[in-house]
Amino acid sequence: MNKIAGERVCLAEKLRLIDRYWDPKIVGELNGQFVKLAKFKGEFVWHCHDNEDEFFLVIKGELKIKLENRELVLREGDFTIIARSIQHLPVAEEEVHVLIFEPKSTVNTGEVRNELTVDCEWL
């Protein structure tokens, strides 16, 4: 069941509720996808998602996404789609606010399981 269908969602209000880095929170769902918000700071972990593409939209700050052969730099208002099976490493030198679209089945650390692996919860 979609908890917010037909309701207004204020991203700034939701982001104020997030107090941990690299711990995405679900703020909506549509067509088998979750809409998530997260705060990033520091370096995440190299990983990929074998069966899911990921959409990252930077709301505030600057996000670097390292790929095997290059680096993407996303600034406020920029987005990218990381295709399934592509190894990537998100890095945020300063706090970054990000909106993410990804299938419900997506695990934040992909095939890697460590202390950064989280079960996403509704915010």
PDB file of N, CA and C in Angstrom:
ATOM      1  N   MET A   1       0.837  -1.178   0.000  1.00  0.00           N
ATOM      2  CA  MET A   1       0.000   0.000   0.000  1.00  0.00           C
ATOM      3  C   MET A   1       0.884   1.244   0.000  1.00  0.00           C
ATOM      4  N   ASN A   2       0.583   2.181  -0.872  1.00  0.00           N
ATOM      5  CA  ASN A   2       1.326   3.422  -0.949  1.00  0.00           C
ATOM      6  C   ASN A   2       0.831   4.362   0.142  1.00  0.00           C
ATOM      7  N   LYS A   3       1.705   4.687   1.074  1.00  0.00           N
ATOM      8  CA  LYS A   3       1.325   5.491   2.232  1.00  0.00           C
ATOM      9  C   LYS A   3       1.072   6.950   1.913  1.00  0.00           C
ATOM     10  N   ILE A   4       1.577   7.461   0.784  1.00  0.00           N
ATOM     11  CA  ILE A   4       1.450   8.892   0.548  1.00  0.00           C
ATOM     12  C   ILE A   4       0.747   9.241  -0.760  1.00  0.00           C
ATOM     13  N   ALA A   5       0.168   8.271  -1.419  1.00  0.00           N
ATOM     14  CA  ALA A   5      -0.513   8.558  -2.688  1.00  0.00           C
ATOM     15  C   ALA A   5      -1.540   9.667  -2.482  1.00  0.00           C
ATOM     16  N   GLY A   6      -1.457  10.685  -3.325  1.00  0.00           N
ATOM     17  CA  GLY A   6      -2.392  11.791  -3.250  1.00  0.00           C
ATOM     18  C   GLY A   6      -2.111  12.789  -2.139  1.00  0.00           C
ATOM     19  N   GLU A   7      -0.990  12.644  -1.458  1.00  0.00           N
ATOM     20  CA  GLU A   7      -0.621  13.562  -0.373  1.00  0.00           C
ATOM     21  C   GLU A   7       0.572  14.420  -0.788  1.00  0.00           C
ATOM     22  N   ARG A   8       0.706  15.572  -0.178  1.00  0.00           N
ATOM     23  CA  ARG A   8       1.847  16.458  -0.388  1.00  0.00           C
ATOM     24  C   ARG A   8       3.038  15.947   0.416  1.00  0.00           C
ATOM     25  N   VAL A   9       4.217  15.964  -0.188  1.00  0.00           N
ATOM     26  CA  VAL A   9       5.443  15.587   0.516  1.00  0.00           C
ATOM     27  C   VAL A   9       6.424  16.747   0.382  1.00  0.00           C
ATOM     28  N   CYS A  10       6.917  17.248   1.492  1.00  0.00           N
ATOM     29  CA  CYS A  10       7.907  18.318   1.506  1.00  0.00           C
ATOM     30  C   CYS A  10       9.273  17.679   1.749  1.00  0.00           C
ATOM     31  N   LEU A  11      10.126  17.710   0.733  1.00  0.00           N
ATOM     32  CA  LEU A  11      11.441  17.080   0.845  1.00  0.00           C
ATOM     33  C   LEU A  11      12.264  17.680   1.981  1.00  0.00           C
ATOM     34  N   ALA A  12      12.224  18.993   2.134  1.00  0.00           N
ATOM     35  CA  ALA A  12      13.004  19.641   3.195  1.00  0.00           C
ATOM     36  C   ALA A  12      12.566  19.147   4.577  1.00  0.00           C
ATOM     37  N   GLU A  13      11.259  19.019   4.771  1.00  0.00           N
ATOM     38  CA  GLU A  13      10.757  18.522   6.056  1.00  0.00           C
ATOM     39  C   GLU A  13      11.212  17.090   6.299  1.00  0.00           C
ATOM     40  N   LYS A  14      11.111  16.259   5.288  1.00  0.00           N
ATOM     41  CA  LYS A  14      11.530  14.858   5.422  1.00  0.00           C
ATOM     42  C   LYS A  14      13.029  14.749   5.684  1.00  0.00           C
ATOM     43  N   LEU A  15      13.825  15.553   4.975  1.00  0.00           N
ATOM     44  CA  LEU A  15      15.276  15.501   5.153  1.00  0.00           C
ATOM     45  C   LEU A  15      15.689  15.904   6.566  1.00  0.00           C
ATOM     46  N   ARG A  16      14.943  16.821   7.181  1.00  0.00           N
ATOM     47  CA  ARG A  16      15.257  17.218   8.562  1.00  0.00           C
ATOM     48  C   ARG A  16      15.123  16.043   9.538  1.00  0.00           C
ATOM     49  N   LEU A  17      14.322  15.048   9.176  1.00  0.00           N
ATOM     50  CA  LEU A  17      14.112  13.885  10.044  1.00  0.00           C
ATOM     51  C   LEU A  17      15.218  12.837   9.925  1.00  0.00           C
ATOM     52  N   ILE A  18      16.057  12.959   8.917  1.00  0.00           N
ATOM     53  CA  ILE A  18      17.127  11.976   8.695  1.00  0.00           C
ATOM     54  C   ILE A  18      18.352  12.401   9.487  1.00  0.00           C
ATOM     55  N   ASP A  19      18.810  11.511  10.375  1.00  0.00           N
ATOM     56  CA  ASP A  19      19.937  11.867  11.234  1.00  0.00           C
ATOM     57  C   ASP A  19      21.149  10.945  11.079  1.00  0.00           C
ATOM     58  N   ARG A  20      21.109  10.031  10.120  1.00  0.00           N
ATOM     59  CA  ARG A  20      22.246   9.132   9.889  1.00  0.00           C
ATOM     60  C   ARG A  20      22.622   9.161   8.417  1.00  0.00           C
ATOM     61  N   TYR A  21      23.918   9.148   8.155  1.00  0.00           N
ATOM     62  CA  TYR A  21      24.396   9.087   6.781  1.00  0.00           C
ATOM     63  C   TYR A  21      24.298   7.665   6.252  1.00  0.00           C
ATOM     64  N   TRP A  22      24.094   7.557   4.939  1.00  0.00           N
ATOM     65  CA  TRP A  22      24.055   6.280   4.218  1.00  0.00           C
ATOM     66  C   TRP A  22      22.925   5.378   4.696  1.00  0.00           C
ATOM     67  N   ASP A  23      21.836   5.966   5.176  1.00  0.00           N
ATOM     68  CA  ASP A  23      20.691   5.207   5.675  1.00  0.00           C
ATOM     69  C   ASP A  23      19.420   5.728   4.995  1.00  0.00           C
ATOM     70  N   PRO A  24      19.198   5.344   3.717  1.00  0.00           N
ATOM     71  CA  PRO A  24      18.051   5.872   2.963  1.00  0.00           C
ATOM     72  C   PRO A  24      16.723   5.567   3.643  1.00  0.00           C
ATOM     73  N   LYS A  25      15.797   6.512   3.513  1.00  0.00           N
ATOM     74  CA  LYS A  25      14.455   6.352   4.060  1.00  0.00           C
ATOM     75  C   LYS A  25      13.440   6.437   2.926  1.00  0.00           C
ATOM     76  N   ILE A  26      12.434   5.617   2.986  1.00  0.00           N
ATOM     77  CA  ILE A  26      11.400   5.573   1.955  1.00  0.00           C
ATOM     78  C   ILE A  26      10.403   6.703   2.210  1.00  0.00           C
ATOM     79  N   VAL A  27      10.109   7.475   1.150  1.00  0.00           N
ATOM     80  CA  VAL A  27       9.128   8.558   1.272  1.00  0.00           C
ATOM     81  C   VAL A  27       7.980   8.405   0.276  1.00  0.00           C
ATOM     82  N   GLY A  28       8.037   7.365  -0.557  1.00  0.00           N
ATOM     83  CA  GLY A  28       6.960   7.118  -1.504  1.00  0.00           C
ATOM     84  C   GLY A  28       7.211   5.846  -2.287  1.00  0.00           C
ATOM     85  N   GLU A  29       6.199   5.423  -3.020  1.00  0.00           N
ATOM     86  CA  GLU A  29       6.372   4.264  -3.896  1.00  0.00           C
ATOM     87  C   GLU A  29       5.466   4.407  -5.103  1.00  0.00           C
ATOM     88  N   LEU A  30       5.961   3.947  -6.231  1.00  0.00           N
ATOM     89  CA  LEU A  30       5.164   3.940  -7.450  1.00  0.00           C
ATOM     90  C   LEU A  30       5.690   2.875  -8.387  1.00  0.00           C
ATOM     91  N   ASN A  31       4.777   2.140  -8.986  1.00  0.00           N
ATOM     92  CA  ASN A  31       5.115   1.157 -10.017  1.00  0.00           C
ATOM     93  C   ASN A  31       6.254   0.223  -9.623  1.00  0.00           C
ATOM     94  N   GLY A  32       6.214  -0.298  -8.413  1.00  0.00           N
ATOM     95  CA  GLY A  32       7.246  -1.232  -7.973  1.00  0.00           C
ATOM     96  C   GLY A  32       8.564  -0.583  -7.596  1.00  0.00           C
ATOM     97  N   GLN A  33       8.575   0.732  -7.521  1.00  0.00           N
ATOM     98  CA  GLN A  33       9.784   1.486  -7.164  1.00  0.00           C
ATOM     99  C   GLN A  33       9.568   2.204  -5.835  1.00  0.00           C
ATOM    100  N   PHE A  34      10.633   2.323  -5.062  1.00  0.00           N
ATOM    101  CA  PHE A  34      10.599   3.176  -3.887  1.00  0.00           C
ATOM    102  C   PHE A  34      11.223   4.514  -4.236  1.00  0.00           C
ATOM    103  N   VAL A  35      10.673   5.567  -3.663  1.00  0.00           N
ATOM    104  CA  VAL A  35      11.280   6.887  -3.699  1.00  0.00           C
ATOM    105  C   VAL A  35      11.925   7.046  -2.324  1.00  0.00           C
ATOM    106  N   LYS A  36      13.235   7.308  -2.320  1.00  0.00           N
ATOM    107  CA  LYS A  36      13.965   7.375  -1.051  1.00  0.00           C
ATOM    108  C   LYS A  36      14.702   8.702  -0.939  1.00  0.00           C
ATOM    109  N   LEU A  37      14.900   9.118   0.287  1.00  0.00           N
ATOM    110  CA  LEU A  37      15.742  10.264   0.584  1.00  0.00           C
ATOM    111  C   LEU A  37      16.881   9.788   1.464  1.00  0.00           C
ATOM    112  N   ALA A  38      18.047  10.413   1.271  1.00  0.00           N
ATOM    113  CA  ALA A  38      19.202  10.043   2.078  1.00  0.00           C
ATOM    114  C   ALA A  38      20.139  11.221   2.220  1.00  0.00           C
ATOM    115  N   LYS A  39      20.926  11.151   3.281  1.00  0.00           N
ATOM    116  CA  LYS A  39      22.043  12.066   3.465  1.00  0.00           C
ATOM    117  C   LYS A  39      23.307  11.233   3.365  1.00  0.00           C
ATOM    118  N   PHE A  40      24.247  11.729   2.577  1.00  0.00           N
ATOM    119  CA  PHE A  40      25.524  11.045   2.406  1.00  0.00           C
ATOM    120  C   PHE A  40      26.637  11.942   2.924  1.00  0.00           C
ATOM    121  N   LYS A  41      27.642  11.335   3.528  1.00  0.00           N
ATOM    122  CA  LYS A  41      28.869  12.039   3.866  1.00  0.00           C
ATOM    123  C   LYS A  41      29.959  10.991   4.038  1.00  0.00           C
ATOM    124  N   GLY A  42      31.108  11.259   3.410  1.00  0.00           N
ATOM    125  CA  GLY A  42      32.211  10.319   3.453  1.00  0.00           C
ATOM    126  C   GLY A  42      32.165   9.398   2.241  1.00  0.00           C
ATOM    127  N   GLU A  43      32.813   8.258   2.392  1.00  0.00           N
ATOM    128  CA  GLU A  43      32.889   7.287   1.295  1.00  0.00           C
ATOM    129  C   GLU A  43      32.014   6.093   1.641  1.00  0.00           C
ATOM    130  N   PHE A  44      31.265   5.608   0.665  1.00  0.00           N
ATOM    131  CA  PHE A  44      30.392   4.460   0.881  1.00  0.00           C
ATOM    132  C   PHE A  44      31.197   3.180   0.686  1.00  0.00           C
ATOM    133  N   VAL A  45      30.784   2.306  -0.197  1.00  0.00           N
ATOM    134  CA  VAL A  45      31.474   1.051  -0.469  1.00  0.00           C
ATOM    135  C   VAL A  45      31.315   0.743  -1.955  1.00  0.00           C
ATOM    136  N   TRP A  46      32.359   0.204  -2.586  1.00  0.00           N
ATOM    137  CA  TRP A  46      32.234  -0.251  -3.971  1.00  0.00           C
ATOM    138  C   TRP A  46      31.182  -1.353  -4.009  1.00  0.00           C
ATOM    139  N   HIS A  47      30.231  -1.243  -4.923  1.00  0.00           N
ATOM    140  CA  HIS A  47      29.185  -2.259  -5.022  1.00  0.00           C
ATOM    141  C   HIS A  47      28.475  -2.138  -6.367  1.00  0.00           C
ATOM    142  N   CYS A  48      27.648  -3.115  -6.662  1.00  0.00           N
ATOM    143  CA  CYS A  48      26.770  -3.037  -7.830  1.00  0.00           C
ATOM    144  C   CYS A  48      25.457  -3.716  -7.477  1.00  0.00           C
ATOM    145  N   HIS A  49      24.489  -3.522  -8.335  1.00  0.00           N
ATOM    146  CA  HIS A  49      23.178  -4.150  -8.182  1.00  0.00           C
ATOM    147  C   HIS A  49      22.961  -4.972  -9.443  1.00  0.00           C
ATOM    148  N   ASP A  50      22.951  -6.278  -9.301  1.00  0.00           N
ATOM    149  CA  ASP A  50      22.881  -7.166 -10.463  1.00  0.00           C
ATOM    150  C   ASP A  50      21.596  -7.024 -11.266  1.00  0.00           C
ATOM    151  N   ASN A  51      20.487  -6.663 -10.600  1.00  0.00           N
ATOM    152  CA  ASN A  51      19.199  -6.669 -11.282  1.00  0.00           C
ATOM    153  C   ASN A  51      18.463  -5.335 -11.283  1.00  0.00           C
ATOM    154  N   GLU A  52      19.068  -4.302 -10.716  1.00  0.00           N
ATOM    155  CA  GLU A  52      18.362  -3.031 -10.592  1.00  0.00           C
ATOM    156  C   GLU A  52      19.202  -1.853 -11.066  1.00  0.00           C
ATOM    157  N   ASP A  53      18.559  -0.921 -11.753  1.00  0.00           N
ATOM    158  CA  ASP A  53      19.153   0.374 -12.062  1.00  0.00           C
ATOM    159  C   ASP A  53      18.836   1.289 -10.878  1.00  0.00           C
ATOM    160  N   GLU A  54      19.678   2.318 -10.684  1.00  0.00           N
ATOM    161  CA  GLU A  54      19.443   3.291  -9.617  1.00  0.00           C
ATOM    162  C   GLU A  54      19.447   4.702 -10.202  1.00  0.00           C
ATOM    163  N   PHE A  55      18.542   5.525  -9.714  1.00  0.00           N
ATOM    164  CA  PHE A  55      18.440   6.927 -10.106  1.00  0.00           C
ATOM    165  C   PHE A  55      18.834   7.766  -8.910  1.00  0.00           C
ATOM    166  N   PHE A  56      19.826   8.640  -9.081  1.00  0.00           N
ATOM    167  CA  PHE A  56      20.266   9.554  -8.025  1.00  0.00           C
ATOM    168  C   PHE A  56      20.047  10.992  -8.473  1.00  0.00           C
ATOM    169  N   LEU A  57      19.332  11.791  -7.666  1.00  0.00           N
ATOM    170  CA  LEU A  57      19.142  13.216  -7.910  1.00  0.00           C
ATOM    171  C   LEU A  57      19.692  13.971  -6.709  1.00  0.00           C
ATOM    172  N   VAL A  58      20.655  14.859  -6.955  1.00  0.00           N
ATOM    173  CA  VAL A  58      21.240  15.637  -5.867  1.00  0.00           C
ATOM    174  C   VAL A  58      20.346  16.843  -5.587  1.00  0.00           C
ATOM    175  N   ILE A  59      19.876  16.921  -4.360  1.00  0.00           N
ATOM    176  CA  ILE A  59      19.033  18.024  -3.916  1.00  0.00           C
ATOM    177  C   ILE A  59      19.905  19.146  -3.346  1.00  0.00           C
ATOM    178  N   LYS A  60      20.928  18.750  -2.589  1.00  0.00           N
ATOM    179  CA  LYS A  60      21.821  19.725  -1.960  1.00  0.00           C
ATOM    180  C   LYS A  60      23.221  19.134  -1.892  1.00  0.00           C
ATOM    181  N   GLY A  61      24.216  19.943  -2.244  1.00  0.00           N
ATOM    182  CA  GLY A  61      25.603  19.517  -2.125  1.00  0.00           C
ATOM    183  C   GLY A  61      26.168  18.972  -3.425  1.00  0.00           C
ATOM    184  N   GLU A  62      27.245  18.211  -3.295  1.00  0.00           N
ATOM    185  CA  GLU A  62      27.934  17.637  -4.450  1.00  0.00           C
ATOM    186  C   GLU A  62      28.256  16.176  -4.172  1.00  0.00           C
ATOM    187  N   LEU A  63      27.899  15.315  -5.089  1.00  0.00           N
ATOM    188  CA  LEU A  63      28.117  13.880  -4.957  1.00  0.00           C
ATOM    189  C   LEU A  63      29.028  13.407  -6.071  1.00  0.00           C
ATOM    190  N   LYS A  64      30.079  12.696  -5.696  1.00  0.00           N
ATOM    191  CA  LYS A  64      30.937  12.036  -6.681  1.00  0.00           C
ATOM    192  C   LYS A  64      30.551  10.568  -6.709  1.00  0.00           C
ATOM    193  N   ILE A  65      30.446  10.037  -7.896  1.00  0.00           N
ATOM    194  CA  ILE A  65      30.216   8.606  -8.042  1.00  0.00           C
ATOM    195  C   ILE A  65      31.360   8.065  -8.877  1.00  0.00           C
ATOM    196  N   LYS A  66      32.209   7.280  -8.223  1.00  0.00           N
ATOM    197  CA  LYS A  66      33.337   6.680  -8.920  1.00  0.00           C
ATOM    198  C   LYS A  66      32.850   5.427  -9.633  1.00  0.00           C
ATOM    199  N   LEU A  67      33.247   5.310 -10.884  1.00  0.00           N
ATOM    200  CA  LEU A  67      32.978   4.125 -11.696  1.00  0.00           C
ATOM    201  C   LEU A  67      34.322   3.486 -12.008  1.00  0.00           C
ATOM    202  N   GLU A  68      34.306   2.316 -12.610  1.00  0.00           N
ATOM    203  CA  GLU A  68      35.557   1.618 -12.875  1.00  0.00           C
ATOM    204  C   GLU A  68      36.532   2.437 -13.713  1.00  0.00           C
ATOM    205  N   ASN A  69      36.018   3.199 -14.675  1.00  0.00           N
ATOM    206  CA  ASN A  69      36.921   3.889 -15.610  1.00  0.00           C
ATOM    207  C   ASN A  69      36.765   5.410 -15.625  1.00  0.00           C
ATOM    208  N   ARG A  70      35.928   5.956 -14.720  1.00  0.00           N
ATOM    209  CA  ARG A  70      35.750   7.406 -14.688  1.00  0.00           C
ATOM    210  C   ARG A  70      35.020   7.802 -13.415  1.00  0.00           C
ATOM    211  N   GLU A  71      34.814   9.117 -13.266  1.00  0.00           N
ATOM    212  CA  GLU A  71      34.133   9.638 -12.092  1.00  0.00           C
ATOM    213  C   GLU A  71      33.075  10.631 -12.529  1.00  0.00           C
ATOM    214  N   LEU A  72      31.887  10.507 -11.961  1.00  0.00           N
ATOM    215  CA  LEU A  72      30.812  11.465 -12.206  1.00  0.00           C
ATOM    216  C   LEU A  72      30.784  12.451 -11.048  1.00  0.00           C
ATOM    217  N   VAL A  73      30.537  13.713 -11.346  1.00  0.00           N
ATOM    218  CA  VAL A  73      30.341  14.713 -10.302  1.00  0.00           C
ATOM    219  C   VAL A  73      28.948  15.287 -10.504  1.00  0.00           C
ATOM    220  N   LEU A  74      28.096  15.113  -9.495  1.00  0.00           N
ATOM    221  CA  LEU A  74      26.721  15.605  -9.541  1.00  0.00           C
ATOM    222  C   LEU A  74      26.572  16.749  -8.552  1.00  0.00           C
ATOM    223  N   ARG A  75      26.063  17.844  -9.046  1.00  0.00           N
ATOM    224  CA  ARG A  75      25.798  19.016  -8.211  1.00  0.00           C
ATOM    225  C   ARG A  75      24.286  19.189  -8.057  1.00  0.00           C
ATOM    226  N   GLU A  76      23.892  20.145  -7.247  1.00  0.00           N
ATOM    227  CA  GLU A  76      22.470  20.367  -6.994  1.00  0.00           C
ATOM    228  C   GLU A  76      21.688  20.457  -8.296  1.00  0.00           C
ATOM    229  N   GLY A  77      20.634  19.654  -8.380  1.00  0.00           N
ATOM    230  CA  GLY A  77      19.795  19.633  -9.571  1.00  0.00           C
ATOM    231  C   GLY A  77      20.237  18.626 -10.618  1.00  0.00           C
ATOM    232  N   ASP A  78      21.403  18.008 -10.447  1.00  0.00           N
ATOM    233  CA  ASP A  78      21.899  16.997 -11.394  1.00  0.00           C
ATOM    234  C   ASP A  78      21.390  15.613 -10.995  1.00  0.00           C
ATOM    235  N   PHE A  79      21.213  14.762 -11.991  1.00  0.00           N
ATOM    236  CA  PHE A  79      20.901  13.365 -11.692  1.00  0.00           C
ATOM    237  C   PHE A  79      21.667  12.454 -12.632  1.00  0.00           C
ATOM    238  N   THR A  80      21.748  11.196 -12.232  1.00  0.00           N
ATOM    239  CA  THR A  80      22.313  10.165 -13.089  1.00  0.00           C
ATOM    240  C   THR A  80      21.570   8.870 -12.819  1.00  0.00           C
ATOM    241  N   ILE A  81      21.698   7.962 -13.763  1.00  0.00           N
ATOM    242  CA  ILE A  81      21.168   6.608 -13.603  1.00  0.00           C
ATOM    243  C   ILE A  81      22.352   5.663 -13.684  1.00  0.00           C
ATOM    244  N   ILE A  82      22.541   4.891 -12.646  1.00  0.00           N
ATOM    245  CA  ILE A  82      23.591   3.874 -12.643  1.00  0.00           C
ATOM    246  C   ILE A  82      22.926   2.566 -13.063  1.00  0.00           C
ATOM    247  N   ALA A  83      23.356   2.069 -14.213  1.00  0.00           N
ATOM    248  CA  ALA A  83      22.757   0.854 -14.767  1.00  0.00           C
ATOM    249  C   ALA A  83      23.126  -0.371 -13.935  1.00  0.00           C
ATOM    250  N   ARG A  84      22.245  -1.336 -13.963  1.00  0.00           N
ATOM    251  CA  ARG A  84      22.491  -2.586 -13.253  1.00  0.00           C
ATOM    252  C   ARG A  84      23.859  -3.160 -13.636  1.00  0.00           C
ATOM    253  N   SER A  85      24.489  -3.836 -12.715  1.00  0.00           N
ATOM    254  CA  SER A  85      25.770  -4.520 -12.880  1.00  0.00           C
ATOM    255  C   SER A  85      26.971  -3.587 -13.028  1.00  0.00           C
ATOM    256  N   ILE A  86      26.785  -2.279 -12.834  1.00  0.00           N
ATOM    257  CA  ILE A  86      27.902  -1.343 -12.911  1.00  0.00           C
ATOM    258  C   ILE A  86      28.448  -1.108 -11.499  1.00  0.00           C
ATOM    259  N   GLN A  87      29.719  -1.432 -11.303  1.00  0.00           N
ATOM    260  CA  GLN A  87      30.365  -1.165 -10.020  1.00  0.00           C
ATOM    261  C   GLN A  87      30.447   0.347  -9.824  1.00  0.00           C
ATOM    262  N   HIS A  88      30.086   0.811  -8.633  1.00  0.00           N
ATOM    263  CA  HIS A  88      30.148   2.237  -8.347  1.00  0.00           C
ATOM    264  C   HIS A  88      30.431   2.476  -6.866  1.00  0.00           C
ATOM    265  N   LEU A  89      30.986   3.664  -6.607  1.00  0.00           N
ATOM    266  CA  LEU A  89      31.343   4.072  -5.251  1.00  0.00           C
ATOM    267  C   LEU A  89      30.918   5.516  -5.040  1.00  0.00           C
ATOM    268  N   PRO A  90      29.838   5.751  -4.303  1.00  0.00           N
ATOM    269  CA  PRO A  90      29.437   7.118  -3.985  1.00  0.00           C
ATOM    270  C   PRO A  90      30.367   7.727  -2.930  1.00  0.00           C
ATOM    271  N   VAL A  91      30.727   8.994  -3.142  1.00  0.00           N
ATOM    272  CA  VAL A  91      31.605   9.714  -2.217  1.00  0.00           C
ATOM    273  C   VAL A  91      31.060  11.125  -2.039  1.00  0.00           C
ATOM    274  N   ALA A  92      30.961  11.563  -0.785  1.00  0.00           N
ATOM    275  CA  ALA A  92      30.502  12.919  -0.478  1.00  0.00           C
ATOM    276  C   ALA A  92      31.491  13.542   0.498  1.00  0.00           C
ATOM    277  N   GLU A  93      32.258  14.507   0.018  1.00  0.00           N
ATOM    278  CA  GLU A  93      33.229  15.153   0.904  1.00  0.00           C
ATOM    279  C   GLU A  93      32.537  15.964   1.987  1.00  0.00           C
ATOM    280  N   GLU A  94      31.419  16.583   1.651  1.00  0.00           N
ATOM    281  CA  GLU A  94      30.569  17.296   2.601  1.00  0.00           C
ATOM    282  C   GLU A  94      29.181  16.664   2.545  1.00  0.00           C
ATOM    283  N   GLU A  95      28.321  17.006   3.476  1.00  0.00           N
ATOM    284  CA  GLU A  95      26.978  16.428   3.494  1.00  0.00           C
ATOM    285  C   GLU A  95      26.240  16.702   2.184  1.00  0.00           C
ATOM    286  N   VAL A  96      25.616  15.662   1.656  1.00  0.00           N
ATOM    287  CA  VAL A  96      24.842  15.737   0.420  1.00  0.00           C
ATOM    288  C   VAL A  96      23.454  15.181   0.697  1.00  0.00           C
ATOM    289  N   HIS A  97      22.436  15.823   0.114  1.00  0.00           N
ATOM    290  CA  HIS A  97      21.065  15.328   0.213  1.00  0.00           C
ATOM    291  C   HIS A  97      20.680  14.769  -1.156  1.00  0.00           C
ATOM    292  N   VAL A  98      20.154  13.550  -1.160  1.00  0.00           N
ATOM    293  CA  VAL A  98      19.909  12.831  -2.405  1.00  0.00           C
ATOM    294  C   VAL A  98      18.519  12.215  -2.408  1.00  0.00           C
ATOM    295  N   LEU A  99      17.863  12.286  -3.577  1.00  0.00           N
ATOM    296  CA  LEU A  99      16.614  11.581  -3.824  1.00  0.00           C
ATOM    297  C   LEU A  99      16.959  10.397  -4.728  1.00  0.00           C
ATOM    298  N   ILE A 100      16.460   9.221  -4.380  1.00  0.00           N
ATOM    299  CA  ILE A 100      16.796   7.990  -5.088  1.00  0.00           C
ATOM    300  C   ILE A 100      15.506   7.296  -5.521  1.00  0.00           C
ATOM    301  N   PHE A 101      15.478   6.832  -6.776  1.00  0.00           N
ATOM    302  CA  PHE A 101      14.414   5.940  -7.241  1.00  0.00           C
ATOM    303  C   PHE A 101      15.073   4.602  -7.509  1.00  0.00           C
ATOM    304  N   GLU A 102      14.487   3.539  -6.978  1.00  0.00           N
ATOM    305  CA  GLU A 102      15.013   2.203  -7.257  1.00  0.00           C
ATOM    306  C   GLU A 102      13.939   1.165  -6.942  1.00  0.00           C
ATOM    307  N   PRO A 103      14.046  -0.011  -7.576  1.00  0.00           N
ATOM    308  CA  PRO A 103      13.060  -1.056  -7.305  1.00  0.00           C
ATOM    309  C   PRO A 103      13.020  -1.425  -5.821  1.00  0.00           C
ATOM    310  N   LYS A 104      11.874  -1.869  -5.372  1.00  0.00           N
ATOM    311  CA  LYS A 104      11.702  -2.250  -3.973  1.00  0.00           C
ATOM    312  C   LYS A 104      12.719  -3.291  -3.519  1.00  0.00           C
ATOM    313  N   SER A 105      13.168  -4.128  -4.421  1.00  0.00           N
ATOM    314  CA  SER A 105      14.079  -5.221  -4.072  1.00  0.00           C
ATOM    315  C   SER A 105      15.520  -4.774  -3.844  1.00  0.00           C
ATOM    316  N   THR A 106      15.841  -3.513  -4.129  1.00  0.00           N
ATOM    317  CA  THR A 106      17.217  -3.051  -4.071  1.00  0.00           C
ATOM    318  C   THR A 106      17.747  -2.989  -2.640  1.00  0.00           C
ATOM    319  N   VAL A 107      18.915  -3.589  -2.436  1.00  0.00           N
ATOM    320  CA  VAL A 107      19.649  -3.497  -1.169  1.00  0.00           C
ATOM    321  C   VAL A 107      20.684  -2.393  -1.354  1.00  0.00           C
ATOM    322  N   ASN A 108      20.783  -1.484  -0.407  1.00  0.00           N
ATOM    323  CA  ASN A 108      21.628  -0.300  -0.596  1.00  0.00           C
ATOM    324  C   ASN A 108      23.091  -0.624  -0.902  1.00  0.00           C
ATOM    325  N   THR A 109      23.619  -1.726  -0.402  1.00  0.00           N
ATOM    326  CA  THR A 109      25.011  -2.087  -0.654  1.00  0.00           C
ATOM    327  C   THR A 109      25.148  -3.148  -1.752  1.00  0.00           C
ATOM    328  N   GLY A 110      24.078  -3.396  -2.485  1.00  0.00           N
ATOM    329  CA  GLY A 110      24.144  -4.366  -3.583  1.00  0.00           C
ATOM    330  C   GLY A 110      24.531  -5.740  -3.099  1.00  0.00           C
ATOM    331  N   GLU A 111      25.566  -6.305  -3.745  1.00  0.00           N
ATOM    332  CA  GLU A 111      26.004  -7.656  -3.409  1.00  0.00           C
ATOM    333  C   GLU A 111      26.886  -7.698  -2.173  1.00  0.00           C
ATOM    334  N   VAL A 112      27.308  -6.546  -1.676  1.00  0.00           N
ATOM    335  CA  VAL A 112      28.166  -6.456  -0.498  1.00  0.00           C
ATOM    336  C   VAL A 112      27.286  -6.406   0.750  1.00  0.00           C
ATOM    337  N   ARG A 113      27.665  -7.161   1.773  1.00  0.00           N
ATOM    338  CA  ARG A 113      26.955  -7.115   3.050  1.00  0.00           C
ATOM    339  C   ARG A 113      27.972  -6.694   4.111  1.00  0.00           C
ATOM    340  N   ASN A 114      27.707  -5.553   4.752  1.00  0.00           N
ATOM    341  CA  ASN A 114      28.594  -5.079   5.809  1.00  0.00           C
ATOM    342  C   ASN A 114      27.807  -4.168   6.742  1.00  0.00           C
ATOM    343  N   GLU A 115      28.521  -3.394   7.573  1.00  0.00           N
ATOM    344  CA  GLU A 115      27.862  -2.533   8.558  1.00  0.00           C
ATOM    345  C   GLU A 115      27.043  -1.403   7.917  1.00  0.00           C
ATOM    346  N   LEU A 116      27.257  -1.133   6.628  1.00  0.00           N
ATOM    347  CA  LEU A 116      26.490  -0.099   5.936  1.00  0.00           C
ATOM    348  C   LEU A 116      25.194  -0.632   5.316  1.00  0.00           C
ATOM    349  N   THR A 117      25.014  -1.946   5.300  1.00  0.00           N
ATOM    350  CA  THR A 117      23.806  -2.549   4.756  1.00  0.00           C
ATOM    351  C   THR A 117      22.636  -2.272   5.703  1.00  0.00           C
ATOM    352  N   VAL A 118      21.560  -1.701   5.144  1.00  0.00           N
ATOM    353  CA  VAL A 118      20.410  -1.375   5.990  1.00  0.00           C
ATOM    354  C   VAL A 118      19.128  -1.849   5.312  1.00  0.00           C
ATOM    355  N   ASP A 119      18.125  -2.131   6.134  1.00  0.00           N
ATOM    356  CA  ASP A 119      16.771  -2.366   5.642  1.00  0.00           C
ATOM    357  C   ASP A 119      16.081  -1.014   5.651  1.00  0.00           C
ATOM    358  N   CYS A 120      15.684  -0.555   4.479  1.00  0.00           N
ATOM    359  CA  CYS A 120      15.064   0.760   4.388  1.00  0.00           C
ATOM    360  C   CYS A 120      13.712   0.771   5.083  1.00  0.00           C
ATOM    361  N   GLU A 121      13.466   1.856   5.792  1.00  0.00           N
ATOM    362  CA  GLU A 121      12.204   2.047   6.492  1.00  0.00           C
ATOM    363  C   GLU A 121      11.499   3.266   5.961  1.00  0.00           C
ATOM    364  N   TRP A 122      10.192   3.296   6.169  1.00  0.00           N
ATOM    365  CA  TRP A 122       9.407   4.484   5.821  1.00  0.00           C
ATOM    366  C   TRP A 122       9.727   5.598   6.782  1.00  0.00           C
ATOM    367  N   LEU A 123       9.760   6.799   6.246  1.00  0.00           N
ATOM    368  CA  LEU A 123      10.014   7.973   7.080  1.00  0.00           C
ATOM    369  C   LEU A 123       8.700   8.643   7.411  1.00  0.00           C
TER     370      LEU A 123
END
